[in-house]
C-alpha atoms as a PDB file:
ATOM      1  CA  UNK A   1      40.419  23.015  35.136  1.00  0.00           C
ATOM      2  CA  UNK A   2      41.173  19.348  34.546  1.00  0.00           C
ATOM      3  CA  UNK A   3      39.627  17.244  31.829  1.00  0.00           C
ATOM      4  CA  UNK A   4      37.478  15.475  34.408  1.00  0.00           C
ATOM      5  CA  UNK A   5      36.147  18.764  35.783  1.00  0.00           C
ATOM      6  CA  UNK A   6      35.440  20.202  32.338  1.00  0.00           C
ATOM      7  CA  UNK A   7      33.608  17.018  31.354  1.00  0.00           C
ATOM      8  CA  UNK A   8      31.535  17.159  34.562  1.00  0.00           C
ATOM      9  CA  UNK A   9      30.781  20.827  33.938  1.00  0.00           C
ATOM     10  CA  UNK A  10      29.702  20.080  30.369  1.00  0.00           C
ATOM     11  CA  UNK A  11      27.469  17.206  31.520  1.00  0.00           C
ATOM     12  CA  UNK A  12      25.825  19.456  34.130  1.00  0.00           C
ATOM     13  CA  UNK A  13      25.096  22.072  31.472  1.00  0.00           C
ATOM     14  CA  UNK A  14      23.546  19.476  29.191  1.00  0.00           C
ATOM     15  CA  UNK A  15      21.519  18.010  32.035  1.00  0.00           C
ATOM     16  CA  UNK A  16      20.312  21.394  33.291  1.00  0.00           C
ATOM     17  CA  UNK A  17      20.138  23.103  29.933  1.00  0.00           C
ATOM     18  CA  UNK A  18      22.470  26.046  29.320  1.00  0.00           C
ATOM     19  CA  UNK A  19      20.970  29.491  28.902  1.00  0.00           C
ATOM     20  CA  UNK A  20      19.171  29.923  25.597  1.00  0.00           C
ATOM     21  CA  UNK A  21      19.446  26.226  24.838  1.00  0.00           C
ATOM     22  CA  UNK A  22      17.163  23.641  26.379  1.00  0.00           C
ATOM     23  CA  UNK A  23      17.835  19.979  25.912  1.00  0.00           C
ATOM     24  CA  UNK A  24      14.741  17.858  25.281  1.00  0.00           C
ATOM     25  CA  UNK A  25      14.561  14.484  26.957  1.00  0.00           C
ATOM     26  CA  UNK A  26      15.488  11.820  24.431  1.00  0.00           C
ATOM     27  CA  UNK A  27      12.251   9.903  24.954  1.00  0.00           C
ATOM     28  CA  UNK A  28      10.214  13.004  24.029  1.00  0.00           C
ATOM     29  CA  UNK A  29      12.220  13.470  20.845  1.00  0.00           C
ATOM     30  CA  UNK A  30      11.637   9.839  19.893  1.00  0.00           C
ATOM     31  CA  UNK A  31       7.907  10.167  20.545  1.00  0.00           C
ATOM     32  CA  UNK A  32       7.687  13.277  18.367  1.00  0.00           C
ATOM     33  CA  UNK A  33       9.603  11.541  15.576  1.00  0.00           C
ATOM     34  CA  UNK A  34       7.264   8.555  15.753  1.00  0.00           C
ATOM     35  CA  UNK A  35       4.225  10.850  15.509  1.00  0.00           C
ATOM     36  CA  UNK A  36       5.764  12.751  12.586  1.00  0.00           C
ATOM     37  CA  UNK A  37       6.587   9.480  10.829  1.00  0.00           C
ATOM     38  CA  UNK A  38       3.037   8.223  11.245  1.00  0.00           C
ATOM     39  CA  UNK A  39       1.557  11.435   9.858  1.00  0.00           C
ATOM     40  CA  UNK A  40       3.968  11.537   6.940  1.00  0.00           C
ATOM     41  CA  UNK A  41       2.299  10.061   3.886  1.00  0.00           C
ATOM     42  CA  UNK A  42       4.210   9.565   0.744  1.00  0.00           C
ATOM     43  CA  UNK A  43       2.810  11.856  -1.910  1.00  0.00           C
ATOM     44  CA  UNK A  44       2.473  10.721  -5.487  1.00  0.00           C
ATOM     45  CA  UNK A  45       2.129  13.356  -8.161  1.00  0.00           C
ATOM     46  CA  UNK A  46       1.100  12.312 -11.632  1.00  0.00           C
ATOM     47  CA  UNK A  47       3.050  14.267 -14.215  1.00  0.00           C
ATOM     48  CA  UNK A  48       2.924  13.873 -17.990  1.00  0.00           C
ATOM     49  CA  UNK A  49       6.329  12.167 -17.738  1.00  0.00           C
ATOM     50  CA  UNK A  50       5.220   9.690 -15.046  1.00  0.00           C
ATOM     51  CA  UNK A  51       5.446   6.121 -16.338  1.00  0.00           C
ATOM     52  CA  UNK A  52       1.883   4.889 -16.816  1.00  0.00           C
ATOM     53  CA  UNK A  53       2.625   1.588 -15.067  1.00  0.00           C
ATOM     54  CA  UNK A  54       3.698   3.467 -11.899  1.00  0.00           C
ATOM     55  CA  UNK A  55       0.184   4.850 -11.506  1.00  0.00           C
ATOM     56  CA  UNK A  56      -1.163   1.297 -11.355  1.00  0.00           C
ATOM     57  CA  UNK A  57       1.671   0.084  -9.138  1.00  0.00           C
ATOM     58  CA  UNK A  58       0.789   2.802  -6.645  1.00  0.00           C
ATOM     59  CA  UNK A  59      -2.995   2.382  -6.959  1.00  0.00           C
ATOM     60  CA  UNK A  60      -3.721  -1.185  -8.147  1.00  0.00           C
ATOM     61  CA  UNK A  61      -7.513  -0.768  -7.825  1.00  0.00           C
ATOM     62  CA  UNK A  62      -7.403   1.682 -10.756  1.00  0.00           C
ATOM     63  CA  UNK A  63      -6.864  -1.146 -13.239  1.00  0.00           C
ATOM     64  CA  UNK A  64     -10.555  -2.035 -13.025  1.00  0.00           C
ATOM     65  CA  UNK A  65     -11.803   1.549 -12.803  1.00  0.00           C
ATOM     66  CA  UNK A  66      -9.662   3.295 -15.449  1.00  0.00           C
ATOM     67  CA  UNK A  67     -12.389   2.779 -18.053  1.00  0.00           C
ATOM     68  CA  UNK A  68     -14.827   4.900 -16.037  1.00  0.00           C
ATOM     69  CA  UNK A  69     -12.626   7.981 -16.465  1.00  0.00           C
ATOM     70  CA  UNK A  70     -13.207   8.186 -20.217  1.00  0.00           C
ATOM     71  CA  UNK A  71     -14.697   5.774 -22.792  1.00  0.00           C
ATOM     72  CA  UNK A  72     -11.537   6.037 -24.928  1.00  0.00           C
ATOM     73  CA  UNK A  73      -9.579   4.177 -22.258  1.00  0.00           C
ATOM     74  CA  UNK A  74     -11.234   1.010 -23.583  1.00  0.00           C
ATOM     75  CA  UNK A  75      -8.534   1.206 -26.263  1.00  0.00           C
ATOM     76  CA  UNK A  76      -6.094   0.160 -23.531  1.00  0.00           C
ATOM     77  CA  UNK A  77      -7.499  -3.377 -23.800  1.00  0.00           C
ATOM     78  CA  UNK A  78      -6.075  -3.828 -27.299  1.00  0.00           C
ATOM     79  CA  UNK A  79      -3.035  -6.124 -27.578  1.00  0.00           C
ATOM     80  CA  UNK A  80      -0.938  -3.333 -29.077  1.00  0.00           C
ATOM     81  CA  UNK A  81      -1.668  -0.950 -26.185  1.00  0.00           C
ATOM     82  CA  UNK A  82      -1.077  -3.749 -23.665  1.00  0.00           C
ATOM     83  CA  UNK A  83       2.390  -4.151 -25.168  1.00  0.00           C
ATOM     84  CA  UNK A  84       3.097  -0.389 -25.122  1.00  0.00           C
ATOM     85  CA  UNK A  85       1.760   0.488 -21.649  1.00  0.00           C
ATOM     86  CA  UNK A  86       4.726  -0.868 -19.650  1.00  0.00           C
ATOM     87  CA  UNK A  87       7.063   1.479 -21.529  1.00  0.00           C
ATOM     88  CA  UNK A  88       4.858   4.564 -22.040  1.00  0.00           C
ATOM     89  CA  UNK A  89       4.461   7.618 -19.881  1.00  0.00           C
ATOM     90  CA  UNK A  90       1.080   9.121 -19.004  1.00  0.00           C
ATOM     91  CA  UNK A  91       1.204  11.789 -21.716  1.00  0.00           C
ATOM     92  CA  UNK A  92       1.888   9.182 -24.428  1.00  0.00           C
ATOM     93  CA  UNK A  93      -1.017   6.983 -23.283  1.00  0.00           C
ATOM     94  CA  UNK A  94      -3.310  10.015 -23.156  1.00  0.00           C
ATOM     95  CA  UNK A  95      -2.175  11.018 -26.634  1.00  0.00           C
ATOM     96  CA  UNK A  96      -2.741   7.525 -28.075  1.00  0.00           C
ATOM     97  CA  UNK A  97      -6.205   7.199 -26.494  1.00  0.00           C
ATOM     98  CA  UNK A  98      -7.238  10.780 -27.298  1.00  0.00           C
ATOM     99  CA  UNK A  99      -7.923  11.624 -23.648  1.00  0.00           C
ATOM    100  CA  UNK A 100      -6.565  14.998 -22.458  1.00  0.00           C
ATOM    101  CA  UNK A 101      -4.037  14.735 -19.621  1.00  0.00           C
ATOM    102  CA  UNK A 102      -6.185  16.959 -17.372  1.00  0.00           C
ATOM    103  CA  UNK A 103      -9.196  14.668 -17.872  1.00  0.00           C
ATOM    104  CA  UNK A 104      -7.046  11.700 -16.845  1.00  0.00           C
ATOM    105  CA  UNK A 105      -5.676  13.383 -13.693  1.00  0.00           C
ATOM    106  CA  UNK A 106      -9.095  14.691 -12.617  1.00  0.00           C
ATOM    107  CA  UNK A 107     -10.561  11.238 -13.176  1.00  0.00           C
ATOM    108  CA  UNK A 108      -7.824   9.611 -11.092  1.00  0.00           C
ATOM    109  CA  UNK A 109      -8.330  12.201  -8.328  1.00  0.00           C
ATOM    110  CA  UNK A 110     -12.060  11.464  -8.324  1.00  0.00           C
ATOM    111  CA  UNK A 111     -11.469   7.693  -8.124  1.00  0.00           C
ATOM    112  CA  UNK A 112      -8.950   8.160  -5.312  1.00  0.00           C
ATOM    113  CA  UNK A 113     -11.452  10.282  -3.390  1.00  0.00           C
ATOM    114  CA  UNK A 114     -14.122   7.595  -3.847  1.00  0.00           C
ATOM    115  CA  UNK A 115     -11.632   5.033  -2.576  1.00  0.00           C
ATOM    116  CA  UNK A 116     -10.858   7.197   0.479  1.00  0.00           C
ATOM    117  CA  UNK A 117      -7.351   8.276  -0.540  1.00  0.00           C
END
């Protein structure tokens, strides 16, 4: 069998689909990938080690609503806390404000739900 014949034979198998292996049309594969890409939403999990500023970068509307989670978050308005926040993780901010981490995460989840996220 010459190279030309083997290439033709291989192309026929790909076109017709060899036994046990079906080849999807390329356009169908692209459509499925587009649908999967649209459905894929980037998840954001808040861990104790998550930088506090990242929470607000991801959900900017929380900056106005953070105080509704717990009254102690009003301490975040102090100049000292404003200076610390860019460098602190969530657990450190919770520790400094006296708000348990679980209270913070539940509060954020509630605010996200109210915002439709």
